[in-house]
Amino acid sequence: MTAPAPSEKALVPFVSVENMMRLVHHIGIERVLFELTDVIEADFRRWALFDKTPRVASHSREGVIELMPTSDGEIYSFKYVNGHPKNMAEGLQTVTAFGLLADVSTGYPVLLTEMTLLTALRTAATSAMAARHLAPKGATTMAMIGNGAQAEFQALAMKAVLGITHVRLFDIDPKATEKTRRNLEGSGLHVTACTTSQAAIEGAQIITTCTADKQYATILTDNMVGAGVHINAIGGDCPGKTELHRDILSRADTFVEYPPQTRIEGEIQQMDPDYPVTELWQVVTGQIEGRKSDKQITLFDSVGFAIEDFSALRYVRERVRGTAFFQSVDLIADPDDPRDLFGMLQRAKD
C-alpha cells in the first residue's frame, strides 16, 4: 500500500542554509541588516508582552548547548544553539543553530529554519539597534576586536544602520584579520588591519569585542578606554567568560537585555549582585535616557536573548512568504481522524 500524500496541515515551511543565503542575496545583506534591526527594535518596544526566561543551558568542558524559548502570546519560538570555541581548531563552526516558530493557539509549527547564518545576522542587527540609541551621534569609526565569524556582519550592520565609514580590525590570529579585511573589500568601508588591540581602538567611537575563548579574559583594560565611547561587548556570553576589565564597568553606564541572564553570563558576572544596569528596552521605549553626555562611556553587555531570535524568525517568515526560498517539510502527522493516529500508520504499510 502506498502511503498517503501529506496534507497541507502536515507541511511546514523549512528554510535551509542554501535558501537562507539565496534570500539574503536576493534582498541584499545591508538591507536585511537594516530591516532586521527595525524588527528587533519593534519587539523591544513591546517587551512586556513576551515570556522571559534565561536560556536553558547544558554546559560541558568543551562548550555549551542551549535552548532559547519565548512567546508573545500568539507566536511561540525557540532556538537551539551551541557555543564550542574548540571547534575552530577542528575546522568546525563555533556556533551552530536552528529555530522554530509555532502558532500558540494550535501548537502547530509554522516555520523551521537554519539559524547559524540567521544568528549572525540578528546578533549584528541587535548590536546596531543598541548603538543607534547609545553610541555617540555622528560616529564614523568602529574597532572590531576579534575577527571571527561575526566580524563582517557587525561591521556591515553598523554601516547600514549608523553610517559607519571606517573599521579598524585586530585579532590575535592575523589570518582572521586578513580574512575579514578581504571579505569587506568592495563594501564601501575603509578597513584598517591593526597589529594590537590598542592600535585598533585609536580614534574609534564604537568598540566591539567578539572573541571566542571560554575563559575570563581581559581584551580591554581600563586605560585603553577613553571618555565618550560606546562599547559593544558581545563575546562574553556564558559563565566564566568575559572580555573587559572590571574597572571599565565601574566607569561605564551598562545596558543589558535581560538582567537575570546577563548577571550569569555577561561582563557583569564580575561585579557585585547590586551593580546597576539599565534594561535596553527601557531606552528603546524612551522610559530611560541612554546616552546623556559626550563624555559618557556606554556599554552594551550583550549575551543574546530569545526575543531577538523571535524577531529574526518572524522576519524570515514574512520575507519567504510567496517566494521560492523555502521547502515544505512533512513534519506534522495529520490523520483524517485526529483520534486515529495508529490507523494512519497502518494504512502506510507496504
Protein backbone atom coordinates (compact mmCIF):
# COMPACT_ATOMS: atom_id res chain seq x y z
CA MET A 1 0.00 0.00 0.00
CA THR A 2 1.30 3.45 -0.88
CA ALA A 3 1.48 5.91 1.99
CA PRO A 4 -0.96 8.79 1.54
CA ALA A 5 0.48 12.10 0.45
CA PRO A 6 0.91 14.59 3.28
CA SER A 7 -1.89 17.10 3.73
CA GLU A 8 -1.39 20.86 3.74
CA LYS A 9 -1.62 20.79 7.55
CA ALA A 10 1.33 18.39 7.67
CA LEU A 11 3.64 20.67 5.72
CA VAL A 12 5.85 23.24 7.45
CA PRO A 13 7.99 25.82 5.59
CA PHE A 14 11.68 24.99 6.03
CA VAL A 15 14.46 27.46 5.19
CA SER A 16 17.71 25.62 4.55
CA VAL A 17 21.16 27.16 4.68
CA GLU A 18 21.13 27.32 0.89
CA ASN A 19 17.81 29.13 0.82
CA MET A 20 18.82 31.49 3.65
CA MET A 21 21.84 32.53 1.60
CA ARG A 22 19.69 32.95 -1.51
CA LEU A 23 17.21 35.06 0.46
CA VAL A 24 19.92 37.34 1.88
CA HIS A 25 21.47 37.90 -1.55
CA HIS A 26 18.05 38.47 -3.09
CA ILE A 27 17.26 41.24 -0.59
CA GLY A 28 20.86 42.48 -0.10
CA ILE A 29 22.78 41.92 3.12
CA GLU A 30 22.82 45.54 4.25
CA ARG A 31 19.11 45.88 3.63
CA VAL A 32 18.49 42.65 5.58
CA LEU A 33 20.54 44.01 8.48
CA PHE A 34 18.72 47.35 8.40
CA GLU A 35 15.26 45.77 8.22
CA LEU A 36 16.11 43.20 10.90
CA THR A 37 17.34 45.99 13.19
CA ASP A 38 13.95 47.67 12.89
CA VAL A 39 12.07 44.41 13.53
CA ILE A 40 14.10 43.71 16.68
CA GLU A 41 13.56 47.27 17.90
CA ALA A 42 9.81 46.92 17.30
CA ASP A 43 9.73 43.83 19.50
CA PHE A 44 11.80 45.56 22.20
CA ARG A 45 9.09 48.23 22.23
CA ARG A 46 6.53 45.57 23.22
CA TRP A 47 8.87 43.84 25.68
CA ALA A 48 6.18 43.43 28.35
CA LEU A 49 4.15 41.06 26.12
CA PHE A 50 6.85 38.38 25.96
CA ASP A 51 7.55 35.40 28.14
CA LYS A 52 11.06 35.91 29.51
CA THR A 53 13.36 33.32 30.99
CA PRO A 54 17.12 32.74 31.00
CA ARG A 55 18.07 30.23 28.34
CA VAL A 56 18.21 26.56 29.29
CA ALA A 57 21.90 25.68 29.13
CA SER A 58 23.81 22.41 29.24
CA HIS A 59 27.46 23.22 29.99
CA SER A 60 30.45 20.96 29.42
CA ARG A 61 34.19 21.38 29.43
CA GLU A 62 34.09 21.75 25.66
CA GLY A 63 31.26 24.27 25.37
CA VAL A 64 27.56 24.81 25.88
CA ILE A 65 24.30 23.70 24.24
CA GLU A 66 21.29 25.94 24.83
CA LEU A 67 17.58 26.26 24.16
CA MET A 68 16.15 29.79 23.95
CA PRO A 69 12.32 29.96 24.13
CA THR A 70 9.86 32.85 24.21
CA SER A 71 6.32 33.81 23.16
CA ASP A 72 4.32 36.99 22.67
CA GLY A 73 1.09 35.14 23.40
CA GLU A 74 0.28 34.50 19.74
CA ILE A 75 3.50 33.07 18.34
CA TYR A 76 5.98 30.84 20.18
CA SER A 77 9.63 30.48 19.21
CA PHE A 78 12.70 28.63 20.28
CA LYS A 79 16.28 28.38 19.09
CA TYR A 80 18.72 25.54 19.55
CA VAL A 81 22.26 26.91 19.67
CA ASN A 82 25.67 25.77 20.77
CA GLY A 83 28.93 27.51 21.60
CA HIS A 84 32.09 25.41 21.28
CA PRO A 85 35.27 27.54 20.96
CA LYS A 86 37.41 24.43 20.40
CA ASN A 87 35.55 23.69 17.15
CA MET A 88 37.51 26.29 15.21
CA ALA A 89 40.74 24.31 15.59
CA GLU A 90 38.91 21.26 14.24
CA GLY A 91 37.60 23.08 11.17
CA LEU A 92 34.09 23.38 12.60
CA GLN A 93 31.80 26.32 13.34
CA THR A 94 32.00 27.66 16.89
CA VAL A 95 28.25 28.36 16.82
CA THR A 96 25.52 26.40 15.04
CA ALA A 97 21.79 26.89 15.38
CA PHE A 98 18.30 26.19 14.11
CA GLY A 99 14.95 27.60 15.17
CA LEU A 100 11.21 27.21 15.04
CA LEU A 101 8.06 29.34 15.15
CA ALA A 102 4.73 27.88 16.25
CA ASP A 103 1.12 29.06 16.45
CA VAL A 104 0.24 29.38 20.15
CA SER A 105 -3.46 28.70 19.52
CA THR A 106 -2.86 25.24 18.00
CA GLY A 107 0.74 24.42 18.91
CA TYR A 108 1.44 23.70 15.25
CA PRO A 109 4.86 24.76 13.92
CA VAL A 110 4.67 27.39 11.17
CA LEU A 111 8.37 27.77 10.34
CA LEU A 112 11.55 25.73 10.71
CA THR A 113 14.83 27.31 9.68
CA GLU A 114 18.57 27.20 9.90
CA MET A 115 19.84 29.82 12.34
CA THR A 116 23.62 29.66 12.11
CA LEU A 117 23.59 32.40 9.49
CA LEU A 118 20.46 33.99 10.93
CA THR A 119 22.01 34.22 14.42
CA ALA A 120 24.98 36.10 12.97
CA LEU A 121 22.59 38.49 11.24
CA ARG A 122 20.39 39.03 14.30
CA THR A 123 23.38 39.49 16.62
CA ALA A 124 24.77 42.18 14.36
CA ALA A 125 21.35 43.82 14.00
CA THR A 126 20.89 43.84 17.79
CA SER A 127 24.30 45.48 18.19
CA ALA A 128 23.33 48.14 15.67
CA MET A 129 19.98 48.69 17.35
CA ALA A 130 21.71 49.25 20.71
CA ALA A 131 24.33 51.53 19.13
CA ARG A 132 21.59 53.57 17.46
CA HIS A 133 20.45 54.54 20.97
CA LEU A 134 23.77 54.56 22.85
CA ALA A 135 26.67 55.41 20.52
CA PRO A 136 27.93 58.98 20.07
CA LYS A 137 25.95 60.86 17.45
CA GLY A 138 27.75 61.02 14.12
CA ALA A 139 30.08 58.11 14.93
CA THR A 140 32.14 57.16 11.88
CA THR A 141 34.73 54.66 13.16
CA MET A 142 34.40 51.31 14.90
CA ALA A 143 37.06 48.97 16.23
CA MET A 144 36.39 45.26 15.77
CA ILE A 145 38.44 43.21 18.23
CA GLY A 146 38.03 39.56 17.42
CA ASN A 147 37.76 38.90 13.69
CA GLY A 148 35.98 35.57 13.61
CA ALA A 149 32.68 34.54 12.04
CA GLN A 150 30.72 37.52 13.43
CA ALA A 151 33.09 40.34 12.41
CA GLU A 152 31.86 41.18 8.91
CA PHE A 153 28.21 41.09 9.98
CA GLN A 154 28.93 43.53 12.82
CA ALA A 155 30.77 45.93 10.54
CA LEU A 156 28.10 45.91 7.83
CA ALA A 157 25.30 46.36 10.37
CA MET A 158 27.00 49.44 11.82
CA LYS A 159 27.46 50.77 8.28
CA ALA A 160 23.87 50.10 7.26
CA VAL A 161 22.24 51.44 10.43
CA LEU A 162 24.65 54.09 11.78
CA GLY A 163 26.57 55.11 8.68
CA ILE A 164 29.97 53.92 9.93
CA THR A 165 32.65 54.53 7.29
CA HIS A 166 35.84 53.21 8.94
CA VAL A 167 36.56 49.83 10.56
CA ARG A 168 39.75 49.04 12.45
CA LEU A 169 40.47 45.33 12.90
CA PHE A 170 42.50 43.31 15.39
CA ASP A 171 42.71 39.60 16.18
CA ILE A 172 45.45 37.57 17.85
CA ASP A 173 45.36 35.49 14.66
CA PRO A 174 46.49 37.67 11.72
CA LYS A 175 44.82 35.24 9.31
CA ALA A 176 41.44 36.08 10.84
CA THR A 177 42.09 39.78 10.36
CA GLU A 178 43.15 39.23 6.76
CA LYS A 179 40.02 37.14 6.15
CA THR A 180 37.81 39.94 7.47
CA ARG A 181 39.68 42.63 5.52
CA ARG A 182 39.34 40.58 2.33
CA ASN A 183 35.63 39.90 2.88
CA LEU A 184 34.91 43.59 3.41
CA GLU A 185 36.59 44.66 0.16
CA GLY A 186 34.08 46.42 -2.03
CA SER A 187 31.73 47.09 0.89
CA GLY A 188 32.38 50.81 0.87
CA LEU A 189 34.09 50.63 4.26
CA HIS A 190 37.62 51.89 4.80
CA VAL A 191 39.26 48.93 6.56
CA THR A 192 42.49 49.09 8.56
CA ALA A 193 44.22 45.96 9.84
CA CYS A 194 45.97 46.59 13.16
CA THR A 195 48.64 44.63 15.00
CA THR A 196 47.42 45.38 18.54
CA SER A 197 44.09 45.99 20.21
CA GLN A 198 45.40 49.34 21.42
CA ALA A 199 46.06 50.42 17.84
CA ALA A 200 42.62 49.20 16.75
CA ILE A 201 40.69 51.38 19.19
CA GLU A 202 42.55 54.59 18.33
CA GLY A 203 40.00 57.07 17.02
CA ALA A 204 37.09 54.65 17.34
CA GLN A 205 33.79 55.87 18.77
CA ILE A 206 32.38 52.33 18.83
CA ILE A 207 34.43 49.41 20.17
CA THR A 208 33.10 45.90 19.55
CA THR A 209 34.68 42.93 21.30
CA CYS A 210 33.85 39.48 19.98
CA THR A 211 36.31 36.78 21.00
CA ALA A 212 35.62 33.08 21.41
CA ASP A 213 37.77 31.71 24.25
CA LYS A 214 35.63 30.23 27.01
CA GLN A 215 37.50 31.86 29.88
CA TYR A 216 37.86 35.03 31.88
CA ALA A 217 39.83 37.31 29.60
CA THR A 218 40.83 40.96 29.53
CA ILE A 219 40.56 42.11 25.94
CA LEU A 220 40.18 45.74 27.02
CA THR A 221 41.86 47.28 30.07
CA ASP A 222 40.68 50.43 31.78
CA ASN A 223 43.50 52.63 30.48
CA MET A 224 42.54 51.75 26.87
CA VAL A 225 39.04 53.18 27.10
CA GLY A 226 38.67 56.94 26.79
CA ALA A 227 35.65 59.09 27.56
CA GLY A 228 32.70 59.20 25.22
CA VAL A 229 32.97 55.79 23.56
CA HIS A 230 30.34 53.11 23.17
CA ILE A 231 31.46 49.54 23.90
CA ASN A 232 29.59 46.70 22.28
CA ALA A 233 30.67 43.63 24.27
CA ILE A 234 29.28 40.51 22.61
CA GLY A 235 31.93 37.85 23.26
CA GLY A 236 31.24 37.23 26.94
CA ASP A 237 28.12 35.08 26.81
CA CYS A 238 28.42 32.27 29.33
CA PRO A 239 29.53 31.74 32.94
CA GLY A 240 33.31 32.10 33.30
CA LYS A 241 33.75 34.01 30.05
CA THR A 242 34.42 37.76 29.95
CA GLU A 243 36.34 40.26 27.82
CA LEU A 244 36.50 43.53 29.81
CA HIS A 245 38.44 44.51 32.93
CA ARG A 246 36.02 45.19 35.76
CA ASP A 247 37.38 48.73 36.16
CA ILE A 248 35.83 49.59 32.80
CA LEU A 249 32.45 48.51 34.14
CA SER A 250 32.97 50.72 37.16
CA ARG A 251 33.26 53.76 34.87
CA ALA A 252 30.59 52.82 32.34
CA ASP A 253 26.82 53.00 32.23
CA THR A 254 25.85 49.45 31.41
CA PHE A 255 22.83 48.36 29.37
CA VAL A 256 21.61 44.77 29.17
CA GLU A 257 18.91 42.66 27.57
CA TYR A 258 17.56 40.59 30.49
CA PRO A 259 19.36 41.06 33.82
CA PRO A 260 18.75 37.55 35.28
CA GLN A 261 20.53 36.06 32.26
CA THR A 262 23.23 38.72 31.87
CA ARG A 263 24.29 38.56 35.54
CA ILE A 264 25.10 34.88 34.97
CA GLU A 265 26.66 35.10 31.51
CA GLY A 266 27.72 38.66 30.71
CA GLU A 267 30.53 41.01 31.64
CA ILE A 268 28.62 41.95 34.79
CA GLN A 269 29.15 38.47 36.23
CA GLN A 270 32.40 40.00 37.55
CA MET A 271 30.52 42.63 39.54
CA ASP A 272 28.55 42.66 42.78
CA PRO A 273 24.93 41.47 42.54
CA ASP A 274 23.69 45.03 43.05
CA TYR A 275 25.82 46.51 40.24
CA PRO A 276 23.41 48.90 38.49
CA VAL A 277 22.26 48.15 34.95
CA THR A 278 19.59 49.55 32.64
CA GLU A 279 17.44 47.25 30.54
CA LEU A 280 17.78 48.23 26.89
CA TRP A 281 14.04 48.06 26.20
CA GLN A 282 13.56 50.94 28.65
CA VAL A 283 15.85 53.09 26.50
CA VAL A 284 14.17 51.98 23.26
CA THR A 285 10.74 52.95 24.62
CA GLY A 286 12.00 56.30 25.94
CA GLN A 287 11.40 55.48 29.59
CA ILE A 288 15.08 55.98 30.44
CA GLU A 289 17.64 58.13 28.69
CA GLY A 290 20.53 56.23 27.11
CA ARG A 291 23.43 58.48 26.16
CA LYS A 292 23.36 61.58 28.35
CA SER A 293 26.65 63.32 27.53
CA ASP A 294 29.59 63.40 25.14
CA LYS A 295 31.91 62.06 27.86
CA GLN A 296 29.73 59.17 28.97
CA ILE A 297 31.00 55.63 28.42
CA THR A 298 28.12 53.38 27.41
CA LEU A 299 28.43 49.60 27.49
CA PHE A 300 26.02 47.18 25.85
CA ASP A 301 26.68 43.93 27.70
CA SER A 302 25.06 41.70 25.12
CA VAL A 303 24.67 37.96 25.67
CA GLY A 304 21.87 37.36 23.16
CA PHE A 305 18.25 36.89 24.22
CA ALA A 306 15.36 34.81 22.92
CA ILE A 307 13.24 37.81 21.90
CA GLU A 308 15.91 38.76 19.34
CA ASP A 309 15.62 35.27 17.83
CA PHE A 310 11.84 35.59 17.84
CA SER A 311 12.21 38.82 15.86
CA ALA A 312 14.59 37.20 13.37
CA LEU A 313 12.30 34.22 12.88
CA ARG A 314 9.21 36.32 12.27
CA TYR A 315 11.21 38.48 9.85
CA VAL A 316 12.23 35.40 7.84
CA ARG A 317 8.68 34.03 7.90
CA GLU A 318 7.36 37.22 6.34
CA ARG A 319 10.24 37.52 3.87
CA VAL A 320 9.92 33.98 2.46
CA ARG A 321 6.15 34.09 2.14
CA GLY A 322 5.21 33.78 -1.54
CA THR A 323 8.81 33.11 -2.62
CA ALA A 324 10.81 30.07 -3.70
CA PHE A 325 13.25 30.45 -0.79
CA PHE A 326 11.86 27.58 1.28
CA GLN A 327 10.85 23.94 1.06
CA SER A 328 7.72 22.34 2.51
CA VAL A 329 8.67 19.64 5.01
CA ASP A 330 6.30 16.84 6.02
CA LEU A 331 6.70 17.45 9.75
CA ILE A 332 3.25 17.08 11.36
CA ALA A 333 1.26 13.85 11.44
CA ASP A 334 -2.22 14.72 10.17
CA PRO A 335 -4.60 11.72 10.14
CA ASP A 336 -8.07 12.11 8.64
CA ASP A 337 -9.42 11.40 12.12
CA PRO A 338 -7.31 13.11 14.84
CA ARG A 339 -8.09 10.15 17.14
CA ASP A 340 -6.79 7.56 14.67
CA LEU A 341 -3.04 8.13 14.53
CA PHE A 342 -2.46 4.37 14.63
CA GLY A 343 -4.80 3.86 11.67
CA MET A 344 -2.78 6.39 9.64
CA LEU A 345 0.35 4.40 10.44
CA GLN A 346 -1.26 1.12 9.41
CA ARG A 347 -2.54 2.50 6.11
CA ALA A 348 1.02 3.46 5.19
CA LYS A 349 2.17 -0.19 5.41
CA ASP A 350 3.65 -1.54 2.19
